[in-house]
Amino acid sequence: MTNIKTLRTEFTGHSGEILSARLDTPTGEVKAYALFAHCFTCSKDILAAKHISQELAQQGIAVLRFDFTGLGNSEGNFTESNFSTNLLDFILASDFLRQNYQAPQILIGHSLGGAAVLASAHKIPEAKAVVTIGAPADTQHLLHHFDGVLEKIENEGMADVNLAGRNFTFQKQFIDDLKATDITPRIKTLKKALLVMHSPIDETVGIENAAKIFDVAKHPKSFISLDQADHLLSKQADSKFAAHMVAAFASRYIETYDIENTQPAEDLIVSETGVGKFQQRVRVGRHDFFADEPVSVGGLYSGPTPFEFLKTALGACTSMTLRMYLERKGIKLGKISVKVTHEKIATEDCPTCNDYQKETFTQIDRFSRSISIDGDVSPELYEKLLEIADKCPVHKTLEQSAIIETKISN
């Protein structure tokens, strides 16, 4: 997947421990952010979470998936966690997105993660859409995993339980927390668009759970059958289908922009994300994207470098200026492409440098443009287009001196 990037990151969980996370993001503009909660005792790297997150990123939706306390690569003691602490971790994950990127507009939960999303969605006001995948309608559904050991947990305070071939230690507080939690009131008062996805052959969480969630929830709500899928959506085709359905559903509810009424922003804000060594979040108008440095110098290369943005400005401005000229003159030509390169050269080797530049600088920046236009361009028009290209405002700014004023504000 060449048009997405997966960034490793982390944030602080409910107990002060560091939780491991991954952000799957498109390399271009981000339409919205989503937050994914994984299944019971799973991790952020389970195939369903990975496939769904990366498929959504392909469609312009960035997804944060993370390991709950004590699971996967996250710190903390799983034995001391419970459903309630999972909710706290989920809300802190949304805080992390809000503070460093953008608050999640889409909440996705798989299995018990779906119950966690339903129970905590009211704490994330920016969320517009909630999606559950194979989710139980109540937390007590999990108690069947403890058949045969519930009495031991009650009497001894804890017991080991084998789940999917792995041993986990559960304390009595975990069971008590499940019994005391009722998510039905939260489903009734969700006040967000809900998509319930479930397989009719799910043997881990029966399809009747989807029916109960759907029945309790108020509109807008939708149901999609994950026909032939297992509980973990282990087949990539199933998880990709789920991702496409989530993206289509969410597109009706996430914030969009009226392009005709959107004015260019006066201010561009660049701020560190805390991810990697150099990654910056760039916000201008309705656009939200990354700037970064190459991996070779310690960056993640999750976005263009500062000089690549500078070359982008020159190339885009040149192409736009030429198109405006052609349209004004009524000249019909095909697509315009501009290739821009940048290098530093010695002024003594610069035939186009003036005397002031040669006397003042030992080196100077040289930007080279190569313009291609689909269609037949006469020699006369060719010369005129070279002249027009030099009138691009960014070209003029780079050629002339500029004043940059800087202040530090609290």
Protein backbone atom coordinates (compact mmCIF):
# COMPACT_ATOMS: atom_id res chain seq x y z
CA MET A 1 0.00 0.00 0.00
CA THR A 2 2.05 2.87 -1.30
CA ASN A 3 -0.43 5.69 -0.64
CA ILE A 4 -0.68 5.16 3.12
CA LYS A 5 1.75 5.25 5.99
CA THR A 6 1.62 3.45 9.32
CA LEU A 7 3.20 5.50 12.09
CA ARG A 8 4.17 4.08 15.46
CA THR A 9 3.19 6.28 18.36
CA GLU A 10 2.22 6.09 22.03
CA PHE A 11 0.25 7.87 24.71
CA THR A 12 -0.33 7.60 28.45
CA GLY A 13 -3.07 5.25 29.64
CA HIS A 14 -5.36 5.44 32.66
CA SER A 15 -2.76 4.07 35.07
CA GLY A 16 0.08 6.27 33.86
CA GLU A 17 1.58 3.46 31.79
CA ILE A 18 2.58 3.99 28.15
CA LEU A 19 0.18 2.50 25.62
CA SER A 20 1.45 1.43 22.21
CA ALA A 21 -0.44 2.65 19.15
CA ARG A 22 -0.31 2.82 15.38
CA LEU A 23 -1.75 5.54 13.17
CA ASP A 24 -2.66 4.42 9.67
CA THR A 25 -2.90 7.56 7.60
CA PRO A 26 -3.18 8.53 3.95
CA THR A 27 -0.11 10.26 2.55
CA GLY A 28 -2.39 12.95 1.15
CA GLU A 29 -5.20 14.95 2.69
CA VAL A 30 -6.99 13.38 5.67
CA LYS A 31 -10.79 13.49 5.35
CA ALA A 32 -11.39 12.49 8.98
CA TYR A 33 -9.88 10.59 11.90
CA ALA A 34 -11.22 7.34 13.33
CA LEU A 35 -10.46 5.46 16.55
CA PHE A 36 -10.43 1.64 16.62
CA ALA A 37 -10.94 -0.53 19.72
CA HIS A 38 -9.80 -4.16 19.36
CA CYS A 39 -11.43 -7.35 20.58
CA PHE A 40 -11.14 -8.99 24.02
CA THR A 41 -7.51 -9.95 24.88
CA CYS A 42 -6.51 -9.13 21.27
CA SER A 43 -4.10 -6.40 20.19
CA LYS A 44 -4.00 -3.51 17.74
CA ASP A 45 -2.12 -5.76 15.30
CA ILE A 46 -4.83 -8.39 14.92
CA LEU A 47 -5.52 -8.89 11.22
CA ALA A 48 -9.03 -7.40 11.34
CA ALA A 49 -7.80 -4.19 12.99
CA LYS A 50 -4.85 -3.93 10.61
CA HIS A 51 -6.81 -4.62 7.43
CA ILE A 52 -9.74 -2.36 8.31
CA SER A 53 -7.51 0.52 9.43
CA GLN A 54 -5.28 0.37 6.37
CA GLU A 55 -8.22 0.05 3.99
CA LEU A 56 -9.86 3.12 5.55
CA ALA A 57 -6.56 5.00 5.22
CA GLN A 58 -6.61 4.13 1.52
CA GLN A 59 -9.93 5.97 1.37
CA GLY A 60 -8.63 9.06 3.15
CA ILE A 61 -9.62 8.24 6.74
CA ALA A 62 -6.77 8.09 9.26
CA VAL A 63 -7.24 5.43 11.95
CA LEU A 64 -5.61 5.18 15.37
CA ARG A 65 -5.50 1.63 16.80
CA PHE A 66 -3.86 0.90 20.13
CA ASP A 67 -3.21 -1.84 22.67
CA PHE A 68 -5.24 -1.62 25.86
CA THR A 69 -3.32 -1.65 29.15
CA GLY A 70 -1.29 -4.83 29.60
CA LEU A 71 -1.93 -6.16 26.10
CA GLY A 72 0.22 -6.25 22.97
CA ASN A 73 3.09 -3.80 23.26
CA SER A 74 1.46 -1.60 25.89
CA GLU A 75 2.78 -1.30 29.41
CA GLY A 76 0.74 -2.10 32.49
CA ASN A 77 -0.70 -5.13 34.22
CA PHE A 78 -3.59 -6.75 32.36
CA THR A 79 -4.60 -8.57 35.56
CA GLU A 80 -5.44 -5.23 37.18
CA SER A 81 -7.46 -3.97 34.22
CA ASN A 82 -11.16 -4.41 33.47
CA PHE A 83 -13.87 -3.15 31.14
CA SER A 84 -14.10 0.17 32.95
CA THR A 85 -10.36 0.82 32.64
CA ASN A 86 -10.62 -0.04 28.94
CA LEU A 87 -13.16 2.75 28.61
CA LEU A 88 -10.74 5.15 30.28
CA ASP A 89 -7.97 4.10 27.87
CA PHE A 90 -10.29 4.57 24.90
CA ILE A 91 -11.23 8.08 26.00
CA LEU A 92 -7.54 8.93 26.54
CA ALA A 93 -6.83 7.69 23.02
CA SER A 94 -9.45 10.12 21.71
CA ASP A 95 -7.81 12.89 23.76
CA PHE A 96 -4.47 12.00 22.15
CA LEU A 97 -5.98 12.38 18.68
CA ARG A 98 -7.71 15.62 19.63
CA GLN A 99 -4.54 17.16 21.03
CA ASN A 100 -2.13 16.02 18.32
CA TYR A 101 -4.22 15.63 15.17
CA GLN A 102 -7.98 15.98 15.19
CA ALA A 103 -10.70 14.53 17.39
CA PRO A 104 -12.09 11.27 15.99
CA GLN A 105 -15.32 11.60 14.05
CA ILE A 106 -15.65 7.83 13.64
CA LEU A 107 -15.50 5.27 16.47
CA ILE A 108 -15.03 1.61 15.53
CA GLY A 109 -15.15 -1.31 17.94
CA HIS A 110 -14.57 -5.00 17.28
CA SER A 111 -16.13 -7.57 19.64
CA LEU A 112 -15.73 -6.30 23.23
CA GLY A 113 -14.15 -3.21 21.68
CA GLY A 114 -17.57 -2.56 20.14
CA ALA A 115 -19.17 -2.62 23.58
CA ALA A 116 -16.45 -0.24 24.79
CA VAL A 117 -17.20 2.15 21.94
CA LEU A 118 -20.94 2.10 22.70
CA ALA A 119 -20.28 2.72 26.39
CA SER A 120 -17.84 5.60 25.92
CA ALA A 121 -19.09 7.38 22.77
CA HIS A 122 -20.94 10.00 24.84
CA LYS A 123 -17.56 11.14 26.18
CA ILE A 124 -16.35 12.01 22.66
CA PRO A 125 -18.66 14.81 21.46
CA GLU A 126 -16.91 15.23 18.10
CA ALA A 127 -17.77 11.66 17.07
CA LYS A 128 -20.49 11.58 14.44
CA ALA A 129 -20.60 7.86 13.60
CA VAL A 130 -20.21 4.68 15.66
CA VAL A 131 -19.50 1.25 14.15
CA THR A 132 -19.64 -2.09 15.95
CA ILE A 133 -18.25 -5.30 14.46
CA GLY A 134 -19.29 -8.59 16.07
CA ALA A 135 -20.04 -6.76 19.32
CA PRO A 136 -21.86 -8.23 22.34
CA ALA A 137 -25.00 -6.42 23.45
CA ASP A 138 -23.88 -6.54 27.09
CA THR A 139 -20.60 -7.10 28.92
CA GLN A 140 -21.89 -10.10 30.82
CA HIS A 141 -21.78 -12.01 27.55
CA LEU A 142 -18.08 -12.49 28.34
CA LEU A 143 -18.84 -14.55 31.41
CA HIS A 144 -19.19 -17.68 29.29
CA HIS A 145 -15.40 -17.52 28.83
CA PHE A 146 -15.13 -18.21 32.56
CA ASP A 147 -17.29 -21.32 32.74
CA GLY A 148 -15.75 -23.69 35.27
CA VAL A 149 -13.55 -21.09 36.96
CA LEU A 150 -16.09 -18.52 38.20
CA GLU A 151 -16.39 -20.31 41.53
CA LYS A 152 -12.61 -20.41 41.89
CA ILE A 153 -12.35 -16.69 41.15
CA GLU A 154 -15.08 -15.98 43.71
CA ASN A 155 -13.39 -18.12 46.37
CA GLU A 156 -9.70 -17.43 45.69
CA GLY A 157 -9.87 -13.95 44.20
CA MET A 158 -8.28 -14.91 40.87
CA ALA A 159 -7.78 -17.72 38.39
CA ASP A 160 -6.00 -18.48 35.12
CA VAL A 161 -8.16 -18.76 32.00
CA ASN A 162 -7.02 -20.10 28.64
CA LEU A 163 -8.29 -17.97 25.77
CA ALA A 164 -7.36 -18.79 22.17
CA GLY A 165 -4.39 -20.81 23.36
CA ARG A 166 -3.04 -18.14 25.73
CA ASN A 167 -3.28 -18.02 29.52
CA PHE A 168 -4.59 -14.88 31.21
CA THR A 169 -5.00 -14.23 34.92
CA PHE A 170 -8.32 -12.65 35.91
CA GLN A 171 -9.11 -11.18 39.30
CA LYS A 172 -12.49 -11.06 40.99
CA GLN A 173 -12.67 -7.32 40.32
CA PHE A 174 -12.75 -8.04 36.58
CA ILE A 175 -15.82 -10.27 36.96
CA ASP A 176 -17.49 -7.83 39.34
CA ASP A 177 -16.93 -5.02 36.88
CA LEU A 178 -18.53 -6.99 34.04
CA LYS A 179 -21.56 -7.81 36.17
CA ALA A 180 -21.97 -4.19 37.29
CA THR A 181 -21.75 -2.68 33.81
CA ASP A 182 -24.88 -2.08 31.76
CA ILE A 183 -24.33 -0.50 28.34
CA THR A 184 -28.00 -0.59 27.31
CA PRO A 185 -28.74 2.96 28.57
CA ARG A 186 -25.77 4.22 26.56
CA ILE A 187 -27.06 2.53 23.40
CA LYS A 188 -30.49 4.10 23.91
CA THR A 189 -29.02 7.59 24.29
CA LEU A 190 -26.19 7.27 21.77
CA LYS A 191 -27.30 10.29 19.69
CA LYS A 192 -24.85 9.33 16.95
CA ALA A 193 -25.27 7.46 13.69
CA LEU A 194 -24.81 3.74 14.34
CA LEU A 195 -23.71 0.96 12.01
CA VAL A 196 -24.02 -2.59 13.36
CA MET A 197 -21.98 -5.20 11.48
CA HIS A 198 -22.18 -8.87 12.37
CA SER A 199 -21.74 -12.28 10.81
CA PRO A 200 -24.74 -14.62 10.97
CA ILE A 201 -22.33 -17.54 11.53
CA ASP A 202 -20.37 -15.85 14.34
CA GLU A 203 -19.85 -18.62 16.90
CA THR A 204 -18.12 -16.39 19.46
CA VAL A 205 -20.69 -13.61 19.72
CA GLY A 206 -24.03 -14.73 18.35
CA ILE A 207 -26.02 -12.73 15.80
CA GLU A 208 -28.74 -12.17 18.42
CA ASN A 209 -26.43 -9.58 20.00
CA ALA A 210 -26.56 -7.49 16.83
CA ALA A 211 -30.34 -7.72 16.86
CA LYS A 212 -30.51 -6.48 20.45
CA ILE A 213 -28.11 -3.56 19.82
CA PHE A 214 -30.04 -2.56 16.70
CA ASP A 215 -33.40 -2.85 18.46
CA VAL A 216 -32.35 -0.72 21.44
CA ALA A 217 -30.62 1.99 19.40
CA LYS A 218 -32.51 4.92 17.92
CA HIS A 219 -32.20 6.15 14.35
CA PRO A 220 -30.10 6.83 12.37
CA LYS A 221 -28.97 3.21 12.47
CA SER A 222 -28.01 0.60 9.90
CA PHE A 223 -27.18 -3.10 9.82
CA ILE A 224 -24.84 -4.91 7.45
CA SER A 225 -24.40 -8.67 7.44
CA LEU A 226 -20.81 -9.91 7.25
CA ASP A 227 -21.93 -13.03 5.44
CA GLN A 228 -19.57 -16.03 5.74
CA ALA A 229 -17.09 -14.11 7.95
CA ASP A 230 -15.74 -15.55 11.18
CA HIS A 231 -15.70 -13.56 14.41
CA LEU A 232 -12.15 -12.29 13.93
CA LEU A 233 -12.64 -11.38 10.26
CA SER A 234 -9.48 -13.35 9.64
CA LYS A 235 -9.98 -13.38 5.86
CA GLN A 236 -8.71 -10.18 4.28
CA ALA A 237 -11.66 -10.10 1.87
CA ASP A 238 -14.04 -9.87 4.85
CA SER A 239 -12.14 -7.11 6.61
CA LYS A 240 -11.75 -5.14 3.35
CA PHE A 241 -15.49 -5.42 2.74
CA ALA A 242 -16.15 -4.19 6.29
CA ALA A 243 -13.79 -1.23 5.75
CA HIS A 244 -15.53 -0.22 2.52
CA MET A 245 -18.89 -0.34 4.25
CA VAL A 246 -17.60 1.74 7.18
CA ALA A 247 -16.19 4.38 4.82
CA ALA A 248 -19.42 4.56 2.80
CA PHE A 249 -21.53 4.78 5.97
CA ALA A 250 -19.32 7.37 7.67
CA SER A 251 -19.20 9.61 4.58
CA ARG A 252 -22.82 10.58 5.25
CA TYR A 253 -22.05 11.86 8.73
CA ILE A 254 -18.49 13.13 8.99
CA GLU A 255 -17.97 16.86 8.61
CA THR A 256 -17.57 17.92 5.01
CA TYR A 257 -16.92 21.29 3.50
CA ASP A 258 -18.80 23.42 1.00
CA ILE A 259 -16.01 24.01 -1.51
CA GLU A 260 -17.77 26.97 -3.14
CA ASN A 261 -18.13 28.78 0.18
CA THR A 262 -14.76 27.87 1.64
CA GLN A 263 -12.40 30.83 1.59
CA PRO A 264 -8.60 30.52 1.58
CA ALA A 265 -7.18 30.59 5.09
CA GLU A 266 -5.17 33.60 6.15
CA ASP A 267 -3.05 31.64 8.58
CA LEU A 268 -1.16 28.39 8.23
CA ILE A 269 -0.39 26.59 11.49
CA VAL A 270 2.43 24.10 11.79
CA SER A 271 2.86 22.18 15.05
CA GLU A 272 4.79 19.17 16.28
CA THR A 273 2.77 15.99 16.61
CA GLY A 274 5.09 14.23 19.07
CA VAL A 275 5.31 11.32 16.63
CA GLY A 276 8.84 10.59 15.49
CA LYS A 277 11.63 13.15 15.63
CA PHE A 278 10.47 15.74 13.11
CA GLN A 279 6.84 15.11 12.14
CA GLN A 280 4.74 18.27 11.92
CA ARG A 281 1.01 18.69 11.48
CA VAL A 282 0.14 21.35 8.92
CA ARG A 283 -3.29 22.95 9.16
CA VAL A 284 -4.44 25.49 6.60
CA GLY A 285 -8.11 26.15 5.95
CA ARG A 286 -9.90 22.81 5.65
CA HIS A 287 -6.69 20.98 4.80
CA ASP A 288 -4.78 18.84 7.28
CA PHE A 289 -1.56 17.02 6.39
CA PHE A 290 2.00 16.23 7.52
CA ALA A 291 5.46 17.63 6.96
CA ASP A 292 8.48 15.52 7.87
CA GLU A 293 12.08 14.66 7.06
CA PRO A 294 13.48 11.55 5.32
CA VAL A 295 14.25 8.39 7.26
CA SER A 296 17.95 8.90 6.41
CA VAL A 297 18.12 11.93 8.74
CA GLY A 298 15.94 10.49 11.52
CA GLY A 299 12.47 11.35 10.26
CA LEU A 300 9.52 9.12 9.32
CA TYR A 301 8.98 10.72 5.88
CA SER A 302 5.25 10.79 6.61
CA GLY A 303 4.95 13.96 4.53
CA PRO A 304 6.97 16.24 2.25
CA THR A 305 10.09 17.95 3.57
CA PRO A 306 10.12 21.77 3.93
CA PHE A 307 12.08 22.17 0.69
CA GLU A 308 9.71 19.77 -1.07
CA PHE A 309 6.86 22.06 -0.01
CA LEU A 310 8.84 24.98 -1.43
CA LYS A 311 9.28 23.17 -4.74
CA THR A 312 5.58 22.27 -4.65
CA ALA A 313 4.66 25.94 -4.27
CA LEU A 314 6.76 26.92 -7.29
CA GLY A 315 5.52 24.05 -9.45
CA ALA A 316 1.84 24.55 -8.57
CA CYS A 317 2.00 28.30 -9.02
CA THR A 318 3.71 27.91 -12.41
CA SER A 319 1.11 25.46 -13.69
CA MET A 320 -1.79 27.59 -12.43
CA THR A 321 -0.33 30.76 -13.95
CA LEU A 322 0.10 29.11 -17.34
CA ARG A 323 -3.45 27.70 -17.25
CA MET A 324 -4.89 31.12 -16.43
CA TYR A 325 -3.03 32.63 -19.37
CA LEU A 326 -4.14 29.91 -21.79
CA GLU A 327 -7.79 30.22 -20.74
CA ARG A 328 -7.71 34.01 -20.96
CA LYS A 329 -6.37 33.76 -24.52
CA GLY A 330 -8.77 30.98 -25.46
CA ILE A 331 -5.94 28.58 -26.27
CA LYS A 332 -6.95 24.94 -25.97
CA LEU A 333 -4.08 22.76 -24.76
CA GLY A 334 -3.95 19.59 -22.65
CA LYS A 335 -2.61 18.88 -19.20
CA ILE A 336 0.27 20.96 -17.83
CA SER A 337 2.99 19.27 -15.76
CA VAL A 338 5.87 20.99 -14.01
CA LYS A 339 8.91 19.17 -12.68
CA VAL A 340 10.91 21.17 -10.13
CA THR A 341 14.40 20.41 -8.81
CA HIS A 342 16.44 22.28 -6.24
CA GLU A 343 20.14 22.46 -5.53
CA LYS A 344 22.71 24.80 -4.01
CA ILE A 345 25.44 26.01 -6.36
CA ALA A 346 28.50 28.22 -6.01
CA THR A 347 27.73 31.76 -7.17
CA GLU A 348 31.01 31.82 -9.09
CA ASP A 349 29.62 29.00 -11.24
CA CYS A 350 26.24 30.71 -11.74
CA PRO A 351 26.01 32.38 -15.17
CA THR A 352 22.67 34.03 -14.38
CA CYS A 353 23.67 35.47 -10.98
CA ASN A 354 24.02 39.26 -10.81
CA ASP A 355 27.00 41.14 -9.40
CA TYR A 356 25.31 41.70 -6.01
CA GLN A 357 24.64 37.99 -5.57
CA LYS A 358 28.18 37.06 -6.53
CA GLU A 359 29.68 39.64 -4.18
CA THR A 360 27.36 38.82 -1.25
CA PHE A 361 26.96 35.03 -1.35
CA THR A 362 29.31 32.14 -1.95
CA GLN A 363 26.36 29.81 -2.57
CA ILE A 364 22.87 30.33 -3.93
CA ASP A 365 19.72 28.22 -4.32
CA ARG A 366 18.88 27.19 -7.87
CA PHE A 367 15.38 25.97 -8.75
CA SER A 368 15.01 24.33 -12.15
CA ARG A 369 11.62 23.92 -13.85
CA SER A 370 10.79 21.54 -16.66
CA ILE A 371 7.34 22.26 -18.11
CA SER A 372 5.48 19.82 -20.31
CA ILE A 373 2.15 20.53 -21.99
CA ASP A 374 -0.01 18.02 -23.83
CA GLY A 375 -0.71 19.26 -27.35
CA ASP A 376 1.06 21.07 -30.16
CA VAL A 377 2.89 24.18 -28.94
CA SER A 378 4.23 26.49 -31.63
CA PRO A 379 7.71 28.06 -31.20
CA GLU A 380 6.06 31.47 -30.71
CA LEU A 381 3.73 30.17 -27.99
CA TYR A 382 6.61 28.27 -26.40
CA GLU A 383 8.56 31.51 -25.93
CA LYS A 384 5.49 33.29 -24.60
CA LEU A 385 4.80 30.54 -22.05
CA LEU A 386 8.37 30.78 -20.75
CA GLU A 387 7.77 34.49 -20.24
CA ILE A 388 4.45 33.85 -18.48
CA ALA A 389 6.00 31.19 -16.23
CA ASP A 390 8.41 33.81 -14.88
CA LYS A 391 5.41 35.92 -13.84
CA CYS A 392 4.23 33.27 -11.38
CA PRO A 393 3.91 35.05 -7.98
CA VAL A 394 5.92 32.39 -6.16
CA HIS A 395 8.65 32.69 -8.79
CA LYS A 396 8.78 36.43 -8.18
CA THR A 397 8.86 35.93 -4.41
CA LEU A 398 11.78 33.52 -4.65
CA GLU A 399 13.69 35.80 -7.02
CA GLN A 400 13.16 38.91 -4.93
CA SER A 401 14.08 39.46 -1.32
CA ALA A 402 11.43 39.03 1.36
CA ILE A 403 11.00 40.27 4.91
CA ILE A 404 10.32 37.63 7.59
CA GLU A 405 9.19 38.89 10.99
CA THR A 406 9.30 36.49 13.93
CA LYS A 407 8.04 36.72 17.51
CA ILE A 408 7.67 34.23 20.35
CA SER A 409 4.25 34.15 22.03
CA ASN A 410 3.02 32.19 25.02
